[in-house]
């Protein structure tokens, strides 16, 4: 059991570290976006909450934007994304590649940034 715990926690850390150093640009069609509050917690019940924008796309599946999102701007960001059309997202390469697996274990693919397509 301890080995499984180490693999899961170590794998998650390695995935996030890899993503931070291997960012790719992917174009997706946004179908919906809304401001939300996310949270994290540890095995001891300690956690925190953070502002985020939940994004649904046709080609890329569910995404979440946290970087630069505040309580004051999350609804405006969501409205900008929800306007539809193609949007280019900056995403970690490993998270994007394994997005179906991440979604199946209720993990979101975290977006580092975005820009609307011309």
PDB file of N, CA and C in Angstrom:
ATOM      1  N   UNK A   1       0.826  -1.195   0.000  1.00  0.00           N
ATOM      2  CA  UNK A   1       0.000   0.000   0.000  1.00  0.00           C
ATOM      3  C   UNK A   1       0.877   1.268   0.000  1.00  0.00           C
ATOM      4  N   UNK A   2       1.953   1.234   0.753  1.00  0.00           N
ATOM      5  CA  UNK A   2       2.846   2.393   0.811  1.00  0.00           C
ATOM      6  C   UNK A   2       3.460   2.673  -0.553  1.00  0.00           C
ATOM      7  N   UNK A   3       3.791   1.617  -1.296  1.00  0.00           N
ATOM      8  CA  UNK A   3       4.370   1.784  -2.626  1.00  0.00           C
ATOM      9  C   UNK A   3       3.386   2.467  -3.570  1.00  0.00           C
ATOM     10  N   UNK A   4       2.130   2.067  -3.504  1.00  0.00           N
ATOM     11  CA  UNK A   4       1.103   2.686  -4.348  1.00  0.00           C
ATOM     12  C   UNK A   4       0.962   4.163  -4.007  1.00  0.00           C
ATOM     13  N   UNK A   5       0.965   4.493  -2.722  1.00  0.00           N
ATOM     14  CA  UNK A   5       0.862   5.889  -2.291  1.00  0.00           C
ATOM     15  C   UNK A   5       2.031   6.706  -2.820  1.00  0.00           C
ATOM     16  N   UNK A   6       3.243   6.161  -2.715  1.00  0.00           N
ATOM     17  CA  UNK A   6       4.435   6.859  -3.203  1.00  0.00           C
ATOM     18  C   UNK A   6       4.349   7.061  -4.719  1.00  0.00           C
ATOM     19  N   UNK A   7       3.901   6.033  -5.448  1.00  0.00           N
ATOM     20  CA  UNK A   7       3.788   6.154  -6.897  1.00  0.00           C
ATOM     21  C   UNK A   7       2.758   7.194  -7.300  1.00  0.00           C
ATOM     22  N   UNK A   8       1.616   7.213  -6.625  1.00  0.00           N
ATOM     23  CA  UNK A   8       0.567   8.175  -6.956  1.00  0.00           C
ATOM     24  C   UNK A   8       1.029   9.594  -6.647  1.00  0.00           C
ATOM     25  N   UNK A   9       1.537   9.819  -5.454  1.00  0.00           N
ATOM     26  CA  UNK A   9       1.983  11.168  -5.077  1.00  0.00           C
ATOM     27  C   UNK A   9       3.197  11.593  -5.883  1.00  0.00           C
ATOM     28  N   UNK A  10       4.156  10.704  -6.045  1.00  0.00           N
ATOM     29  CA  UNK A  10       5.358  11.021  -6.826  1.00  0.00           C
ATOM     30  C   UNK A  10       5.025  11.226  -8.286  1.00  0.00           C
ATOM     31  N   UNK A  11       4.105  10.412  -8.812  1.00  0.00           N
ATOM     32  CA  UNK A  11       3.691  10.549 -10.208  1.00  0.00           C
ATOM     33  C   UNK A  11       3.003  11.871 -10.465  1.00  0.00           C
ATOM     34  N   UNK A  12       2.161  12.280  -9.533  1.00  0.00           N
ATOM     35  CA  UNK A  12       1.468  13.561  -9.662  1.00  0.00           C
ATOM     36  C   UNK A  12       2.461  14.713  -9.650  1.00  0.00           C
ATOM     37  N   UNK A  13       3.407  14.673  -8.733  1.00  0.00           N
ATOM     38  CA  UNK A  13       4.429  15.717  -8.655  1.00  0.00           C
ATOM     39  C   UNK A  13       5.255  15.747  -9.937  1.00  0.00           C
ATOM     40  N   UNK A  14       5.664  14.568 -10.424  1.00  0.00           N
ATOM     41  CA  UNK A  14       6.472  14.491 -11.645  1.00  0.00           C
ATOM     42  C   UNK A  14       5.693  15.012 -12.851  1.00  0.00           C
ATOM     43  N   UNK A  15       4.402  14.677 -12.930  1.00  0.00           N
ATOM     44  CA  UNK A  15       3.559  15.145 -14.029  1.00  0.00           C
ATOM     45  C   UNK A  15       3.487  16.671 -14.038  1.00  0.00           C
ATOM     46  N   UNK A  16       3.247  17.266 -12.883  1.00  0.00           N
ATOM     47  CA  UNK A  16       3.157  18.728 -12.798  1.00  0.00           C
ATOM     48  C   UNK A  16       4.497  19.393 -13.097  1.00  0.00           C
ATOM     49  N   UNK A  17       5.590  18.803 -12.633  1.00  0.00           N
ATOM     50  CA  UNK A  17       6.914  19.356 -12.912  1.00  0.00           C
ATOM     51  C   UNK A  17       7.215  19.291 -14.411  1.00  0.00           C
ATOM     52  N   UNK A  18       6.881  18.174 -15.023  1.00  0.00           N
ATOM     53  CA  UNK A  18       7.099  18.022 -16.468  1.00  0.00           C
ATOM     54  C   UNK A  18       6.258  19.048 -17.236  1.00  0.00           C
ATOM     55  N   UNK A  19       5.002  19.183 -16.841  1.00  0.00           N
ATOM     56  CA  UNK A  19       4.106  20.134 -17.510  1.00  0.00           C
ATOM     57  C   UNK A  19       4.642  21.559 -17.455  1.00  0.00           C
ATOM     58  N   UNK A  20       5.162  21.963 -16.308  1.00  0.00           N
ATOM     59  CA  UNK A  20       5.680  23.331 -16.169  1.00  0.00           C
ATOM     60  C   UNK A  20       6.843  23.599 -17.121  1.00  0.00           C
ATOM     61  N   UNK A  21       7.608  22.563 -17.457  1.00  0.00           N
ATOM     62  CA  UNK A  21       8.762  22.776 -18.330  1.00  0.00           C
ATOM     63  C   UNK A  21       8.502  22.363 -19.782  1.00  0.00           C
ATOM     64  N   UNK A  22       7.327  21.808 -20.071  1.00  0.00           N
ATOM     65  CA  UNK A  22       6.980  21.380 -21.429  1.00  0.00           C
ATOM     66  C   UNK A  22       5.565  21.860 -21.773  1.00  0.00           C
ATOM     67  N   UNK A  23       5.444  23.134 -22.043  1.00  0.00           N
ATOM     68  CA  UNK A  23       4.152  23.743 -22.353  1.00  0.00           C
ATOM     69  C   UNK A  23       3.941  23.715 -23.870  1.00  0.00           C
ATOM     70  N   UNK A  24       2.742  23.265 -24.286  1.00  0.00           N
ATOM     71  CA  UNK A  24       2.400  23.243 -25.698  1.00  0.00           C
ATOM     72  C   UNK A  24       1.216  24.173 -25.947  1.00  0.00           C
ATOM     73  N   UNK A  25       1.023  24.552 -27.185  1.00  0.00           N
ATOM     74  CA  UNK A  25      -0.074  25.416 -27.577  1.00  0.00           C
ATOM     75  C   UNK A  25      -1.073  24.587 -28.384  1.00  0.00           C
ATOM     76  N   UNK A  26      -2.340  24.574 -27.936  1.00  0.00           N
ATOM     77  CA  UNK A  26      -3.367  23.743 -28.560  1.00  0.00           C
ATOM     78  C   UNK A  26      -4.599  24.600 -28.839  1.00  0.00           C
ATOM     79  N   UNK A  27      -5.162  24.490 -30.044  1.00  0.00           N
ATOM     80  CA  UNK A  27      -6.383  25.220 -30.395  1.00  0.00           C
ATOM     81  C   UNK A  27      -7.592  24.330 -30.145  1.00  0.00           C
ATOM     82  N   UNK A  28      -8.584  24.857 -29.439  1.00  0.00           N
ATOM     83  CA  UNK A  28      -9.801  24.121 -29.102  1.00  0.00           C
ATOM     84  C   UNK A  28     -11.003  25.040 -29.295  1.00  0.00           C
ATOM     85  N   UNK A  29     -12.157  24.428 -29.523  1.00  0.00           N
ATOM     86  CA  UNK A  29     -13.402  25.181 -29.636  1.00  0.00           C
ATOM     87  C   UNK A  29     -14.100  25.164 -28.285  1.00  0.00           C
ATOM     88  N   UNK A  30     -14.259  26.328 -27.679  1.00  0.00           N
ATOM     89  CA  UNK A  30     -14.892  26.432 -26.365  1.00  0.00           C
ATOM     90  C   UNK A  30     -16.402  26.306 -26.524  1.00  0.00           C
ATOM     91  N   UNK A  31     -17.020  25.428 -25.716  1.00  0.00           N
ATOM     92  CA  UNK A  31     -18.473  25.273 -25.747  1.00  0.00           C
ATOM     93  C   UNK A  31     -19.133  25.898 -24.524  1.00  0.00           C
ATOM     94  N   UNK A  32     -18.377  26.059 -23.433  1.00  0.00           N
ATOM     95  CA  UNK A  32     -18.908  26.695 -22.226  1.00  0.00           C
ATOM     96  C   UNK A  32     -17.749  27.065 -21.313  1.00  0.00           C
ATOM     97  N   UNK A  33     -17.969  28.083 -20.481  1.00  0.00           N
ATOM     98  CA  UNK A  33     -16.977  28.491 -19.479  1.00  0.00           C
ATOM     99  C   UNK A  33     -17.711  29.172 -18.336  1.00  0.00           C
ATOM    100  N   UNK A  34     -17.277  28.901 -17.113  1.00  0.00           N
ATOM    101  CA  UNK A  34     -17.890  29.557 -15.963  1.00  0.00           C
ATOM    102  C   UNK A  34     -16.879  29.704 -14.828  1.00  0.00           C
ATOM    103  N   UNK A  35     -17.011  30.832 -14.113  1.00  0.00           N
ATOM    104  CA  UNK A  35     -16.178  31.082 -12.954  1.00  0.00           C
ATOM    105  C   UNK A  35     -16.571  30.136 -11.831  1.00  0.00           C
ATOM    106  N   UNK A  36     -15.589  29.690 -11.058  1.00  0.00           N
ATOM    107  CA  UNK A  36     -15.840  28.704 -10.010  1.00  0.00           C
ATOM    108  C   UNK A  36     -14.801  28.882  -8.905  1.00  0.00           C
ATOM    109  N   UNK A  37     -15.003  28.164  -7.818  1.00  0.00           N
ATOM    110  CA  UNK A  37     -14.021  28.103  -6.738  1.00  0.00           C
ATOM    111  C   UNK A  37     -13.585  26.660  -6.611  1.00  0.00           C
ATOM    112  N   UNK A  38     -12.291  26.417  -6.746  1.00  0.00           N
ATOM    113  CA  UNK A  38     -11.737  25.078  -6.581  1.00  0.00           C
ATOM    114  C   UNK A  38     -11.139  24.938  -5.200  1.00  0.00           C
ATOM    115  N   UNK A  39     -10.803  23.716  -4.846  1.00  0.00           N
ATOM    116  CA  UNK A  39     -10.179  23.497  -3.542  1.00  0.00           C
ATOM    117  C   UNK A  39      -9.245  22.303  -3.599  1.00  0.00           C
ATOM    118  N   UNK A  40      -8.352  22.279  -2.641  1.00  0.00           N
ATOM    119  CA  UNK A  40      -7.443  21.153  -2.494  1.00  0.00           C
ATOM    120  C   UNK A  40      -7.466  20.726  -1.044  1.00  0.00           C
ATOM    121  N   UNK A  41      -7.098  19.488  -0.805  1.00  0.00           N
ATOM    122  CA  UNK A  41      -6.997  19.027   0.575  1.00  0.00           C
ATOM    123  C   UNK A  41      -5.965  17.921   0.659  1.00  0.00           C
ATOM    124  N   UNK A  42      -5.374  17.791   1.810  1.00  0.00           N
ATOM    125  CA  UNK A  42      -4.382  16.743   2.041  1.00  0.00           C
ATOM    126  C   UNK A  42      -5.038  15.597   2.804  1.00  0.00           C
ATOM    127  N   UNK A  43      -4.289  14.552   3.040  1.00  0.00           N
ATOM    128  CA  UNK A  43      -4.783  13.417   3.814  1.00  0.00           C
ATOM    129  C   UNK A  43      -5.146  13.798   5.229  1.00  0.00           C
ATOM    130  N   UNK A  44      -4.580  14.885   5.717  1.00  0.00           N
ATOM    131  CA  UNK A  44      -4.869  15.357   7.072  1.00  0.00           C
ATOM    132  C   UNK A  44      -6.054  16.312   7.111  1.00  0.00           C
ATOM    133  N   UNK A  45      -6.657  16.571   5.946  1.00  0.00           N
ATOM    134  CA  UNK A  45      -7.811  17.454   5.900  1.00  0.00           C
ATOM    135  C   UNK A  45      -7.460  18.917   5.753  1.00  0.00           C
ATOM    136  N   UNK A  46      -6.180  19.204   5.588  1.00  0.00           N
ATOM    137  CA  UNK A  46      -5.740  20.587   5.411  1.00  0.00           C
ATOM    138  C   UNK A  46      -5.818  20.925   3.927  1.00  0.00           C
ATOM    139  N   UNK A  47      -6.339  22.081   3.604  1.00  0.00           N
ATOM    140  CA  UNK A  47      -6.444  22.451   2.201  1.00  0.00           C
ATOM    141  C   UNK A  47      -6.633  23.929   2.021  1.00  0.00           C
ATOM    142  N   UNK A  48      -6.867  24.296   0.789  1.00  0.00           N
ATOM    143  CA  UNK A  48      -7.092  25.704   0.482  1.00  0.00           C
ATOM    144  C   UNK A  48      -8.085  25.798  -0.662  1.00  0.00           C
ATOM    145  N   UNK A  49      -8.611  26.995  -0.854  1.00  0.00           N
ATOM    146  CA  UNK A  49      -9.512  27.222  -1.983  1.00  0.00           C
ATOM    147  C   UNK A  49      -8.869  28.249  -2.903  1.00  0.00           C
ATOM    148  N   UNK A  50      -9.279  28.223  -4.163  1.00  0.00           N
ATOM    149  CA  UNK A  50      -8.722  29.141  -5.153  1.00  0.00           C
ATOM    150  C   UNK A  50      -9.766  29.405  -6.220  1.00  0.00           C
ATOM    151  N   UNK A  51      -9.666  30.576  -6.813  1.00  0.00           N
ATOM    152  CA  UNK A  51     -10.573  30.966  -7.888  1.00  0.00           C
ATOM    153  C   UNK A  51     -10.108  30.300  -9.181  1.00  0.00           C
ATOM    154  N   UNK A  52     -11.063  29.930 -10.043  1.00  0.00           N
ATOM    155  CA  UNK A  52     -10.722  29.286 -11.299  1.00  0.00           C
ATOM    156  C   UNK A  52     -11.847  29.472 -12.308  1.00  0.00           C
ATOM    157  N   UNK A  53     -11.552  29.156 -13.561  1.00  0.00           N
ATOM    158  CA  UNK A  53     -12.556  29.152 -14.613  1.00  0.00           C
ATOM    159  C   UNK A  53     -12.592  27.748 -15.195  1.00  0.00           C
ATOM    160  N   UNK A  54     -13.757  27.112 -15.112  1.00  0.00           N
ATOM    161  CA  UNK A  54     -13.979  25.783 -15.688  1.00  0.00           C
ATOM    162  C   UNK A  54     -14.337  25.979 -17.156  1.00  0.00           C
ATOM    163  N   UNK A  55     -13.663  25.255 -18.051  1.00  0.00           N
ATOM    164  CA  UNK A  55     -13.833  25.427 -19.487  1.00  0.00           C
ATOM    165  C   UNK A  55     -14.193  24.083 -20.120  1.00  0.00           C
ATOM    166  N   UNK A  56     -15.248  24.063 -20.924  1.00  0.00           N
ATOM    167  CA  UNK A  56     -15.609  22.868 -21.693  1.00  0.00           C
ATOM    168  C   UNK A  56     -15.247  23.137 -23.146  1.00  0.00           C
ATOM    169  N   UNK A  57     -14.622  22.154 -23.787  1.00  0.00           N
ATOM    170  CA  UNK A  57     -14.239  22.300 -25.193  1.00  0.00           C
ATOM    171  C   UNK A  57     -14.653  21.068 -25.980  1.00  0.00           C
ATOM    172  N   UNK A  58     -14.772  21.229 -27.302  1.00  0.00           N
ATOM    173  CA  UNK A  58     -15.112  20.097 -28.167  1.00  0.00           C
ATOM    174  C   UNK A  58     -13.951  19.116 -28.272  1.00  0.00           C
ATOM    175  N   UNK A  59     -12.796  19.602 -28.680  1.00  0.00           N
ATOM    176  CA  UNK A  59     -11.676  18.734 -29.010  1.00  0.00           C
ATOM    177  C   UNK A  59     -10.784  18.373 -27.833  1.00  0.00           C
ATOM    178  N   UNK A  60     -10.730  19.228 -26.845  1.00  0.00           N
ATOM    179  CA  UNK A  60      -9.745  19.062 -25.768  1.00  0.00           C
ATOM    180  C   UNK A  60     -10.336  18.578 -24.451  1.00  0.00           C
ATOM    181  N   UNK A  61     -11.647  18.468 -24.365  1.00  0.00           N
ATOM    182  CA  UNK A  61     -12.271  18.028 -23.126  1.00  0.00           C
ATOM    183  C   UNK A  61     -12.342  19.151 -22.105  1.00  0.00           C
ATOM    184  N   UNK A  62     -12.584  18.801 -20.840  1.00  0.00           N
ATOM    185  CA  UNK A  62     -12.680  19.829 -19.799  1.00  0.00           C
ATOM    186  C   UNK A  62     -11.297  20.356 -19.409  1.00  0.00           C
ATOM    187  N   UNK A  63     -11.224  21.671 -19.260  1.00  0.00           N
ATOM    188  CA  UNK A  63      -9.983  22.342 -18.864  1.00  0.00           C
ATOM    189  C   UNK A  63     -10.290  23.256 -17.695  1.00  0.00           C
ATOM    190  N   UNK A  64      -9.252  23.688 -16.987  1.00  0.00           N
ATOM    191  CA  UNK A  64      -9.433  24.651 -15.906  1.00  0.00           C
ATOM    192  C   UNK A  64      -8.296  25.663 -15.956  1.00  0.00           C
ATOM    193  N   UNK A  65      -8.655  26.944 -15.831  1.00  0.00           N
ATOM    194  CA  UNK A  65      -7.685  28.038 -15.791  1.00  0.00           C
ATOM    195  C   UNK A  65      -7.651  28.574 -14.374  1.00  0.00           C
ATOM    196  N   UNK A  66      -6.468  28.595 -13.766  1.00  0.00           N
ATOM    197  CA  UNK A  66      -6.311  29.121 -12.408  1.00  0.00           C
ATOM    198  C   UNK A  66      -5.341  30.299 -12.362  1.00  0.00           C
ATOM    199  N   UNK A  67      -4.346  30.279 -13.202  1.00  0.00           N
ATOM    200  CA  UNK A  67      -3.319  31.317 -13.186  1.00  0.00           C
ATOM    201  C   UNK A  67      -3.911  32.662 -13.573  1.00  0.00           C
ATOM    202  N   UNK A  68      -3.776  33.649 -12.697  1.00  0.00           N
ATOM    203  CA  UNK A  68      -4.266  34.994 -12.979  1.00  0.00           C
ATOM    204  C   UNK A  68      -5.751  35.186 -12.729  1.00  0.00           C
ATOM    205  N   UNK A  69      -6.425  34.163 -12.202  1.00  0.00           N
ATOM    206  CA  UNK A  69      -7.863  34.253 -11.955  1.00  0.00           C
ATOM    207  C   UNK A  69      -8.109  34.694 -10.517  1.00  0.00           C
ATOM    208  N   UNK A  70      -8.933  35.722 -10.359  1.00  0.00           N
ATOM    209  CA  UNK A  70      -9.288  36.228  -9.027  1.00  0.00           C
ATOM    210  C   UNK A  70     -10.806  36.248  -8.899  1.00  0.00           C
ATOM    211  N   UNK A  71     -11.277  36.488  -7.687  1.00  0.00           N
ATOM    212  CA  UNK A  71     -12.721  36.592  -7.461  1.00  0.00           C
ATOM    213  C   UNK A  71     -13.302  37.738  -8.288  1.00  0.00           C
ATOM    214  N   UNK A  72     -12.509  38.778  -8.497  1.00  0.00           N
ATOM    215  CA  UNK A  72     -12.985  39.946  -9.223  1.00  0.00           C
ATOM    216  C   UNK A  72     -13.038  39.741 -10.728  1.00  0.00           C
ATOM    217  N   UNK A  73     -12.155  38.900 -11.302  1.00  0.00           N
ATOM    218  CA  UNK A  73     -12.103  38.792 -12.763  1.00  0.00           C
ATOM    219  C   UNK A  73     -12.576  37.456 -13.334  1.00  0.00           C
ATOM    220  N   UNK A  74     -12.902  36.495 -12.485  1.00  0.00           N
ATOM    221  CA  UNK A  74     -13.227  35.162 -13.005  1.00  0.00           C
ATOM    222  C   UNK A  74     -14.461  35.154 -13.903  1.00  0.00           C
ATOM    223  N   UNK A  75     -15.477  35.927 -13.579  1.00  0.00           N
ATOM    224  CA  UNK A  75     -16.676  35.955 -14.413  1.00  0.00           C
ATOM    225  C   UNK A  75     -16.419  36.639 -15.751  1.00  0.00           C
ATOM    226  N   UNK A  76     -15.590  37.660 -15.755  1.00  0.00           N
ATOM    227  CA  UNK A  76     -15.243  38.344 -17.005  1.00  0.00           C
ATOM    228  C   UNK A  76     -14.414  37.426 -17.909  1.00  0.00           C
ATOM    229  N   UNK A  77     -13.492  36.683 -17.326  1.00  0.00           N
ATOM    230  CA  UNK A  77     -12.693  35.731 -18.107  1.00  0.00           C
ATOM    231  C   UNK A  77     -13.600  34.647 -18.681  1.00  0.00           C
ATOM    232  N   UNK A  78     -14.507  34.137 -17.856  1.00  0.00           N
ATOM    233  CA  UNK A  78     -15.435  33.099 -18.316  1.00  0.00           C
ATOM    234  C   UNK A  78     -16.304  33.620 -19.460  1.00  0.00           C
ATOM    235  N   UNK A  79     -16.789  34.842 -19.346  1.00  0.00           N
ATOM    236  CA  UNK A  79     -17.628  35.418 -20.401  1.00  0.00           C
ATOM    237  C   UNK A  79     -16.840  35.575 -21.693  1.00  0.00           C
ATOM    238  N   UNK A  80     -15.592  35.987 -21.568  1.00  0.00           N
ATOM    239  CA  UNK A  80     -14.730  36.145 -22.744  1.00  0.00           C
ATOM    240  C   UNK A  80     -14.523  34.802 -23.445  1.00  0.00           C
ATOM    241  N   UNK A  81     -14.293  33.748 -22.656  1.00  0.00           N
ATOM    242  CA  UNK A  81     -14.105  32.416 -23.228  1.00  0.00           C
ATOM    243  C   UNK A  81     -15.413  31.832 -23.740  1.00  0.00           C
ATOM    244  N   UNK A  82     -16.498  32.100 -23.026  1.00  0.00           N
ATOM    245  CA  UNK A  82     -17.802  31.528 -23.366  1.00  0.00           C
ATOM    246  C   UNK A  82     -18.385  32.133 -24.636  1.00  0.00           C
ATOM    247  N   UNK A  83     -17.761  33.189 -25.126  1.00  0.00           N
ATOM    248  CA  UNK A  83     -18.230  33.800 -26.372  1.00  0.00           C
ATOM    249  C   UNK A  83     -18.086  32.832 -27.538  1.00  0.00           C
ATOM    250  N   UNK A  84     -17.365  31.759 -27.311  1.00  0.00           N
ATOM    251  CA  UNK A  84     -17.242  30.702 -28.321  1.00  0.00           C
ATOM    252  C   UNK A  84     -16.093  30.937 -29.266  1.00  0.00           C
ATOM    253  N   UNK A  85     -16.047  30.103 -30.273  1.00  0.00           N
ATOM    254  CA  UNK A  85     -14.989  30.212 -31.260  1.00  0.00           C
ATOM    255  C   UNK A  85     -13.738  29.457 -30.833  1.00  0.00           C
ATOM    256  N   UNK A  86     -12.748  29.539 -31.689  1.00  0.00           N
ATOM    257  CA  UNK A  86     -11.481  28.847 -31.434  1.00  0.00           C
ATOM    258  C   UNK A  86     -10.645  29.658 -30.457  1.00  0.00           C
ATOM    259  N   UNK A  87     -10.050  28.957 -29.525  1.00  0.00           N
ATOM    260  CA  UNK A  87      -9.173  29.578 -28.539  1.00  0.00           C
ATOM    261  C   UNK A  87      -7.902  28.757 -28.458  1.00  0.00           C
ATOM    262  N   UNK A  88      -6.780  29.431 -28.386  1.00  0.00           N
ATOM    263  CA  UNK A  88      -5.491  28.748 -28.262  1.00  0.00           C
ATOM    264  C   UNK A  88      -5.114  28.724 -26.788  1.00  0.00           C
ATOM    265  N   UNK A  89      -4.914  27.512 -26.264  1.00  0.00           N
ATOM    266  CA  UNK A  89      -4.566  27.320 -24.848  1.00  0.00           C
ATOM    267  C   UNK A  89      -3.121  26.876 -24.714  1.00  0.00           C
ATOM    268  N   UNK A  90      -2.479  27.357 -23.668  1.00  0.00           N
ATOM    269  CA  UNK A  90      -1.137  26.909 -23.295  1.00  0.00           C
ATOM    270  C   UNK A  90      -1.333  25.854 -22.209  1.00  0.00           C
ATOM    271  N   UNK A  91      -0.926  24.607 -22.497  1.00  0.00           N
ATOM    272  CA  UNK A  91      -1.203  23.469 -21.629  1.00  0.00           C
ATOM    273  C   UNK A  91       0.062  22.641 -21.472  1.00  0.00           C
ATOM    274  N   UNK A  92       0.226  22.018 -20.317  1.00  0.00           N
ATOM    275  CA  UNK A  92       1.334  21.094 -20.105  1.00  0.00           C
ATOM    276  C   UNK A  92       1.204  19.887 -21.024  1.00  0.00           C
ATOM    277  N   UNK A  93       2.304  19.502 -21.669  1.00  0.00           N
ATOM    278  CA  UNK A  93       2.274  18.428 -22.670  1.00  0.00           C
ATOM    279  C   UNK A  93       1.799  17.099 -22.099  1.00  0.00           C
ATOM    280  N   UNK A  94       2.265  16.724 -20.921  1.00  0.00           N
ATOM    281  CA  UNK A  94       1.875  15.434 -20.338  1.00  0.00           C
ATOM    282  C   UNK A  94       0.400  15.423 -19.948  1.00  0.00           C
ATOM    283  N   UNK A  95      -0.064  16.485 -19.321  1.00  0.00           N
ATOM    284  CA  UNK A  95      -1.483  16.557 -18.943  1.00  0.00           C
ATOM    285  C   UNK A  95      -2.382  16.488 -20.158  1.00  0.00           C
ATOM    286  N   UNK A  96      -1.981  17.171 -21.237  1.00  0.00           N
ATOM    287  CA  UNK A  96      -2.803  17.140 -22.440  1.00  0.00           C
ATOM    288  C   UNK A  96      -2.805  15.747 -23.057  1.00  0.00           C
ATOM    289  N   UNK A  97      -1.660  15.118 -23.092  1.00  0.00           N
ATOM    290  CA  UNK A  97      -1.568  13.775 -23.686  1.00  0.00           C
ATOM    291  C   UNK A  97      -2.398  12.758 -22.915  1.00  0.00           C
ATOM    292  N   UNK A  98      -2.397  12.874 -21.585  1.00  0.00           N
ATOM    293  CA  UNK A  98      -3.106  11.914 -20.737  1.00  0.00           C
ATOM    294  C   UNK A  98      -4.416  12.478 -20.192  1.00  0.00           C
ATOM    295  N   UNK A  99      -5.014  13.441 -20.909  1.00  0.00           N
ATOM    296  CA  UNK A  99      -6.205  14.126 -20.408  1.00  0.00           C
ATOM    297  C   UNK A  99      -7.381  13.184 -20.160  1.00  0.00           C
ATOM    298  N   UNK A 100      -7.566  12.168 -20.980  1.00  0.00           N
ATOM    299  CA  UNK A 100      -8.684  11.246 -20.767  1.00  0.00           C
ATOM    300  C   UNK A 100      -8.521  10.469 -19.466  1.00  0.00           C
ATOM    301  N   UNK A 101      -7.307  10.062 -19.163  1.00  0.00           N
ATOM    302  CA  UNK A 101      -7.035   9.360 -17.908  1.00  0.00           C
ATOM    303  C   UNK A 101      -7.252  10.301 -16.729  1.00  0.00           C
ATOM    304  N   UNK A 102      -6.752  11.519 -16.836  1.00  0.00           N
ATOM    305  CA  UNK A 102      -6.913  12.493 -15.756  1.00  0.00           C
ATOM    306  C   UNK A 102      -8.386  12.774 -15.482  1.00  0.00           C
ATOM    307  N   UNK A 103      -9.169  12.946 -16.530  1.00  0.00           N
ATOM    308  CA  UNK A 103     -10.601  13.212 -16.359  1.00  0.00           C
ATOM    309  C   UNK A 103     -11.284  12.005 -15.703  1.00  0.00           C
ATOM    310  N   UNK A 104     -10.851  10.794 -16.042  1.00  0.00           N
ATOM    311  CA  UNK A 104     -11.476   9.601 -15.464  1.00  0.00           C
ATOM    312  C   UNK A 104     -11.220   9.479 -13.967  1.00  0.00           C
ATOM    313  N   UNK A 105     -10.137  10.093 -13.459  1.00  0.00           N
ATOM    314  CA  UNK A 105      -9.869  10.089 -12.020  1.00  0.00           C
ATOM    315  C   UNK A 105     -10.196  11.442 -11.389  1.00  0.00           C
ATOM    316  N   UNK A 106     -11.044  12.199 -12.093  1.00  0.00           N
ATOM    317  CA  UNK A 106     -11.558  13.489 -11.621  1.00  0.00           C
ATOM    318  C   UNK A 106     -10.492  14.563 -11.429  1.00  0.00           C
ATOM    319  N   UNK A 107      -9.476  14.504 -12.258  1.00  0.00           N
ATOM    320  CA  UNK A 107      -8.463  15.554 -12.291  1.00  0.00           C
ATOM    321  C   UNK A 107      -8.732  16.431 -13.503  1.00  0.00           C
ATOM    322  N   UNK A 108      -8.492  17.711 -13.381  1.00  0.00           N
ATOM    323  CA  UNK A 108      -8.677  18.640 -14.493  1.00  0.00           C
ATOM    324  C   UNK A 108      -7.338  18.917 -15.160  1.00  0.00           C
ATOM    325  N   UNK A 109      -7.390  19.145 -16.448  1.00  0.00           N
ATOM    326  CA  UNK A 109      -6.202  19.570 -17.179  1.00  0.00           C
ATOM    327  C   UNK A 109      -6.085  21.074 -16.965  1.00  0.00           C
ATOM    328  N   UNK A 110      -4.989  21.486 -16.353  1.00  0.00           N
ATOM    329  CA  UNK A 110      -4.794  22.895 -15.997  1.00  0.00           C
ATOM    330  C   UNK A 110      -4.177  23.644 -17.174  1.00  0.00           C
ATOM    331  N   UNK A 111      -4.798  24.772 -17.503  1.00  0.00           N
ATOM    332  CA  UNK A 111      -4.350  25.656 -18.571  1.00  0.00           C
ATOM    333  C   UNK A 111      -3.472  26.734 -17.970  1.00  0.00           C
ATOM    334  N   UNK A 112      -2.352  27.025 -18.615  1.00  0.00           N
ATOM    335  CA  UNK A 112      -1.460  28.070 -18.131  1.00  0.00           C
ATOM    336  C   UNK A 112      -1.828  29.438 -18.682  1.00  0.00           C
ATOM    337  N   UNK A 113      -2.484  29.482 -19.839  1.00  0.00           N
ATOM    338  CA  UNK A 113      -2.878  30.737 -20.453  1.00  0.00           C
ATOM    339  C   UNK A 113      -3.691  30.479 -21.702  1.00  0.00           C
ATOM    340  N   UNK A 114      -4.232  31.539 -22.315  1.00  0.00           N
ATOM    341  CA  UNK A 114      -5.025  31.378 -23.529  1.00  0.00           C
ATOM    342  C   UNK A 114      -5.006  32.654 -24.347  1.00  0.00           C
ATOM    343  N   UNK A 115      -5.370  32.507 -25.627  1.00  0.00           N
ATOM    344  CA  UNK A 115      -5.565  33.658 -26.507  1.00  0.00           C
ATOM    345  C   UNK A 115      -6.598  33.263 -27.562  1.00  0.00           C
ATOM    346  N   UNK A 116      -7.481  34.202 -27.912  1.00  0.00           N
ATOM    347  CA  UNK A 116      -8.494  33.922 -28.920  1.00  0.00           C
ATOM    348  C   UNK A 116      -7.826  33.795 -30.285  1.00  0.00           C
ATOM    349  N   UNK A 117      -8.374  32.911 -31.109  1.00  0.00           N
ATOM    350  CA  UNK A 117      -7.881  32.725 -32.471  1.00  0.00           C
ATOM    351  C   UNK A 117      -8.429  33.839 -33.365  1.00  0.00           C
ATOM    352  N   UNK A 118      -7.644  34.293 -34.327  1.00  0.00           N
ATOM    353  CA  UNK A 118      -8.136  35.332 -35.248  1.00  0.00           C
ATOM    354  C   UNK A 118      -9.219  34.790 -36.160  1.00  0.00           C
TER     355      UNK A 118
END
